[in-house]
Amino acid sequence: MTAGRVLVVSTGVVRPLPWHGRTVASAIGKSPVHGPVEITLLGVTGDEQGDRKHHGGPDKALLLYPVEHYRAWARRLGHLTPPAFGENLTISGIVEDDAVLGSVYAVGTAVLQVTQPRRPCYKLAAHHGIADLAVLTQRSGRTGFYCRVLRPGRLEAGDGLDLLFSPGHGITAAEAHRVLNVDRADLAAARRLLDHPEVLPGSWAGLLRKRLDGQLDDQGERLHGSASTGPADTEPAVPPGTTNPPGTTKETA
């Protein structure tokens, strides 16, 4: 079943990115690639990562971003052209609410598996020159999601994303993002995620277990780049059952 389609394939090389009087290495500034590209276990041939601790690797080989979000962002940020969010594949037809963790898709001759939502970081803000863009992206839920490569192959813009398998647990990238990053006081939902440890990176499972023990993690470094560039945590926990904090938007078109 064709669930979505690849519209743009993009790669980037590591370049210095100015941020608050210093520079950081990032390949978030990507450009479209025309024609078929090789997909390896580590992603698109020719793509780079400036921070291999937090980006890239087999479980984050490809970042997919729904084109539907661009229309929603235009209302707030003006016109943006893919791959404005640093994605490898700009896609249509599959948003975070559709992307069940562990789902498997065939695209071209490659086979991909959804692994996790993107956790927005300050490099989005640096790339666009919008200080709070990482926070806005996190609040909106328009994060994009990562895939691992189960079978290397070739793909290109125009290829369909054919759903081969969807796990019965139903945990989507949107739900994992909500629990991990936004509704951080929703401990019941954290327990539900921990009931399916196979869908969570080990570090995320550890983070959720700490929350159950009363230790709330600090998101300041990821969202702002350093403790000195913003509040320690601009994403306060909200009461369980509140899926969207004030200012959150869920529109995808």
Protein backbone atom coordinates (compact mmCIF):
# COMPACT_ATOMS: atom_id res chain seq x y z
CA MET A 1 0.00 0.00 0.00
CA THR A 2 1.47 3.35 -1.02
CA ALA A 3 1.17 5.56 2.05
CA GLY A 4 3.27 8.51 0.96
CA ARG A 5 5.75 9.79 -1.56
CA VAL A 6 9.26 11.24 -1.64
CA LEU A 7 9.20 14.76 -3.07
CA VAL A 8 12.77 15.95 -2.49
CA VAL A 9 16.01 14.12 -1.66
CA SER A 10 18.70 16.27 -0.02
CA THR A 11 22.24 16.05 1.32
CA GLY A 12 24.57 18.45 3.08
CA VAL A 13 28.20 18.87 4.07
CA VAL A 14 29.51 20.08 7.40
CA ARG A 15 29.99 23.84 7.56
CA PRO A 16 30.57 26.32 10.42
CA LEU A 17 27.32 27.72 11.76
CA PRO A 18 27.39 30.97 13.81
CA TRP A 19 25.59 30.83 17.15
CA HIS A 20 25.78 33.41 19.94
CA GLY A 21 29.32 34.56 19.25
CA ARG A 22 30.76 31.13 18.49
CA THR A 23 30.58 28.65 15.66
CA VAL A 24 29.32 25.09 15.67
CA ALA A 25 29.77 22.43 13.02
CA SER A 26 26.58 21.39 11.26
CA ALA A 27 25.33 19.93 7.99
CA ILE A 28 21.77 21.18 8.53
CA GLY A 29 22.10 23.35 5.43
CA LYS A 30 21.22 20.77 2.80
CA SER A 31 20.50 20.99 -0.92
CA PRO A 32 18.31 18.88 -3.21
CA VAL A 33 19.91 16.06 -5.16
CA HIS A 34 18.51 15.22 -8.59
CA GLY A 35 18.22 11.67 -9.87
CA PRO A 36 18.70 8.36 -8.04
CA VAL A 37 20.88 8.29 -4.91
CA GLU A 38 22.47 5.43 -3.02
CA ILE A 39 21.07 4.69 0.42
CA THR A 40 23.45 2.89 2.77
CA LEU A 41 22.99 1.73 6.36
CA LEU A 42 24.18 5.21 7.40
CA GLY A 43 21.95 7.22 5.09
CA VAL A 44 22.25 9.04 1.77
CA THR A 45 25.64 8.78 0.14
CA GLY A 46 27.31 12.19 0.33
CA ASP A 47 25.41 13.40 3.39
CA GLU A 48 27.40 14.43 6.47
CA GLN A 49 26.81 15.12 10.17
CA GLY A 50 28.62 17.71 12.21
CA ASP A 51 27.83 16.10 15.58
CA ARG A 52 27.93 12.33 15.42
CA LYS A 53 27.02 12.02 19.09
CA HIS A 54 23.53 13.42 18.52
CA HIS A 55 23.03 13.03 14.76
CA GLY A 56 23.44 10.25 12.27
CA GLY A 57 24.24 6.62 12.98
CA PRO A 58 22.19 3.57 11.97
CA ASP A 59 19.08 4.50 14.00
CA LYS A 60 19.02 8.05 12.61
CA ALA A 61 20.25 7.32 9.12
CA LEU A 62 17.56 9.39 7.39
CA LEU A 63 15.49 12.34 8.56
CA LEU A 64 12.05 12.54 6.93
CA TYR A 65 10.01 15.74 7.04
CA PRO A 66 6.41 16.09 5.83
CA VAL A 67 5.83 18.74 3.18
CA GLU A 68 2.42 19.36 4.75
CA HIS A 69 4.20 21.18 7.58
CA TYR A 70 5.62 23.79 5.24
CA ARG A 71 2.17 25.26 4.68
CA ALA A 72 1.62 25.50 8.42
CA TRP A 73 5.02 27.15 8.97
CA ALA A 74 4.36 29.66 6.17
CA ARG A 75 1.62 31.22 8.25
CA ARG A 76 4.16 32.05 10.93
CA LEU A 77 7.57 32.18 9.26
CA GLY A 78 6.81 33.00 5.65
CA HIS A 79 7.66 30.89 2.63
CA LEU A 80 10.25 28.18 3.20
CA THR A 81 11.67 25.85 0.57
CA PRO A 82 12.59 22.21 1.31
CA PRO A 83 14.88 21.07 2.82
CA ALA A 84 14.57 24.02 5.22
CA PHE A 85 14.45 21.71 8.25
CA GLY A 86 17.59 19.80 7.37
CA GLU A 87 15.74 16.71 6.22
CA ASN A 88 17.10 14.08 3.86
CA LEU A 89 13.69 13.18 2.46
CA THR A 90 10.89 15.71 2.12
CA ILE A 91 7.79 13.52 1.92
CA SER A 92 4.04 13.80 1.49
CA GLY A 93 1.26 11.69 2.90
CA ILE A 94 2.85 10.59 6.19
CA VAL A 95 3.01 12.89 9.21
CA GLU A 96 4.14 12.12 12.75
CA ASP A 97 0.66 10.97 13.77
CA ASP A 98 0.84 8.32 11.01
CA ALA A 99 4.41 7.16 11.60
CA VAL A 100 4.14 4.20 13.98
CA LEU A 101 7.52 3.44 15.53
CA GLY A 102 8.86 0.25 14.00
CA SER A 103 6.82 0.58 10.80
CA VAL A 104 8.60 -0.61 7.67
CA TYR A 105 8.37 1.10 4.27
CA ALA A 106 9.76 0.20 0.88
CA VAL A 107 10.95 3.15 -1.19
CA GLY A 108 12.78 2.65 -4.46
CA THR A 109 14.87 -0.46 -3.88
CA ALA A 110 15.56 0.44 -0.23
CA VAL A 111 13.62 -0.61 2.88
CA LEU A 112 13.32 1.83 5.80
CA GLN A 113 12.04 1.50 9.37
CA VAL A 114 10.68 4.36 11.49
CA THR A 115 12.76 4.67 14.66
CA GLN A 116 12.04 7.91 16.54
CA PRO A 117 10.85 11.50 16.28
CA ARG A 118 13.41 14.19 15.84
CA ARG A 119 14.24 16.11 19.03
CA PRO A 120 14.61 19.71 17.80
CA CYS A 121 17.83 21.46 18.76
CA TYR A 122 19.22 24.98 18.66
CA LYS A 123 20.90 24.39 15.28
CA LEU A 124 17.49 24.86 13.67
CA ALA A 125 17.41 28.32 15.25
CA ALA A 126 20.96 29.07 14.15
CA HIS A 127 20.30 27.89 10.60
CA HIS A 128 17.29 30.19 10.19
CA GLY A 129 18.38 33.05 12.44
CA ILE A 130 15.21 32.65 14.54
CA ALA A 131 16.20 32.41 18.19
CA ASP A 132 13.26 30.35 19.40
CA LEU A 133 12.73 28.10 16.37
CA ALA A 134 13.75 24.92 18.18
CA VAL A 135 11.21 25.69 20.91
CA LEU A 136 8.51 26.54 18.34
CA THR A 137 9.19 23.30 16.48
CA GLN A 138 9.00 21.28 19.66
CA ARG A 139 5.74 22.91 20.74
CA SER A 140 4.16 22.49 17.31
CA GLY A 141 4.87 18.77 17.03
CA ARG A 142 6.10 19.35 13.48
CA THR A 143 9.42 17.66 14.19
CA GLY A 144 9.89 15.10 11.42
CA PHE A 145 11.07 11.59 12.21
CA TYR A 146 14.06 9.32 11.68
CA CYS A 147 14.39 6.00 9.90
CA ARG A 148 16.98 3.26 9.90
CA VAL A 149 17.85 1.46 6.69
CA LEU A 150 16.92 -2.20 6.78
CA ARG A 151 17.94 -2.80 3.18
CA PRO A 152 20.30 -0.47 1.31
CA GLY A 153 19.27 0.50 -2.19
CA ARG A 154 18.52 3.44 -4.47
CA LEU A 155 15.72 5.96 -4.36
CA GLU A 156 14.81 9.28 -5.92
CA ALA A 157 12.23 12.02 -5.80
CA GLY A 158 8.87 10.70 -6.97
CA ASP A 159 9.24 7.25 -5.41
CA GLY A 160 6.34 6.00 -3.33
CA LEU A 161 6.60 5.00 0.32
CA ASP A 162 4.91 1.60 0.43
CA LEU A 163 3.90 0.36 3.88
CA LEU A 164 5.12 -3.21 4.41
CA PHE A 165 4.50 -3.61 8.14
CA SER A 166 3.03 -1.65 11.05
CA PRO A 167 3.42 -2.89 14.66
CA GLY A 168 0.32 -3.50 16.72
CA HIS A 169 1.41 -1.30 19.64
CA GLY A 170 0.35 1.82 17.70
CA ILE A 171 2.90 4.15 19.32
CA THR A 172 3.54 6.93 16.84
CA ALA A 173 6.38 9.38 16.47
CA ALA A 174 3.91 12.08 17.54
CA GLU A 175 3.08 10.28 20.79
CA ALA A 176 6.70 9.57 21.62
CA HIS A 177 7.53 13.22 21.01
CA ARG A 178 4.61 14.41 23.15
CA VAL A 179 5.58 12.28 26.12
CA LEU A 180 9.32 12.78 25.87
CA ASN A 181 9.46 16.50 25.11
CA VAL A 182 6.17 18.27 25.83
CA ASP A 183 3.81 16.61 28.33
CA ARG A 184 6.63 15.64 30.63
CA ALA A 185 4.41 15.27 33.69
CA ASP A 186 2.32 12.59 31.97
CA LEU A 187 3.87 9.71 33.90
CA ALA A 188 1.10 7.30 32.92
CA ALA A 189 2.01 7.81 29.27
CA ALA A 190 5.70 7.41 30.14
CA ARG A 191 4.88 4.04 31.67
CA ARG A 192 2.99 3.03 28.53
CA LEU A 193 6.05 3.82 26.43
CA LEU A 194 8.26 1.85 28.79
CA ASP A 195 5.94 -1.13 28.34
CA HIS A 196 7.37 -1.26 24.80
CA PRO A 197 11.12 -0.80 25.30
CA GLU A 198 11.77 -2.14 21.82
CA VAL A 199 10.48 1.12 20.30
CA LEU A 200 12.63 3.46 22.41
CA PRO A 201 16.33 4.33 22.17
CA GLY A 202 18.04 3.15 25.33
CA SER A 203 18.84 6.70 26.43
CA TRP A 204 15.16 7.68 26.14
CA ALA A 205 14.06 4.73 28.24
CA GLY A 206 16.58 5.73 30.89
CA LEU A 207 15.34 9.30 30.82
CA LEU A 208 11.72 8.20 31.31
CA ARG A 209 12.66 5.91 34.19
CA LYS A 210 14.37 8.84 35.90
CA ARG A 211 11.18 10.87 35.52
CA LEU A 212 9.24 8.12 37.24
CA ASP A 213 11.75 8.47 40.08
CA GLY A 214 11.07 12.22 40.25
CA GLN A 215 14.10 13.44 38.27
CA LEU A 216 13.02 15.87 35.52
CA ASP A 217 15.58 16.33 32.77
CA ASP A 218 16.84 19.73 31.60
CA GLN A 219 16.15 20.60 27.96
CA GLY A 220 18.01 23.92 27.97
CA GLU A 221 21.23 22.75 26.34
CA ARG A 222 19.46 21.04 23.45
CA LEU A 223 17.02 23.88 22.78
CA HIS A 224 19.35 26.83 23.38
CA GLY A 225 22.88 25.57 22.81
CA SER A 226 24.23 26.39 26.26
CA ALA A 227 22.94 27.18 29.70
CA SER A 228 23.82 30.83 29.18
CA THR A 229 21.76 31.35 26.02
CA GLY A 230 18.32 30.71 27.39
CA PRO A 231 16.28 29.55 30.36
CA ALA A 232 17.23 26.18 31.78
CA ASP A 233 13.96 24.80 30.53
CA THR A 234 11.46 26.68 28.39
CA GLU A 235 9.21 23.66 27.98
CA PRO A 236 7.58 23.24 31.39
CA ALA A 237 5.81 20.03 32.22
CA VAL A 238 2.05 20.25 31.78
CA PRO A 239 -0.64 18.24 33.50
CA PRO A 240 -1.32 14.69 32.31
CA GLY A 241 -3.90 14.52 29.56
CA THR A 242 -3.02 17.95 28.20
CA THR A 243 -1.71 17.06 24.77
CA ASN A 244 -0.81 20.58 23.64
CA PRO A 245 0.56 23.32 25.89
CA PRO A 246 -0.29 26.96 25.27
CA GLY A 247 0.97 28.08 21.88
CA THR A 248 1.01 24.55 20.47
CA THR A 249 -0.42 23.97 17.04
CA LYS A 250 -1.23 20.60 15.55
CA GLU A 251 -2.26 21.61 12.07
CA THR A 252 -0.38 19.80 9.33
CA ALA A 253 -1.76 21.60 6.31
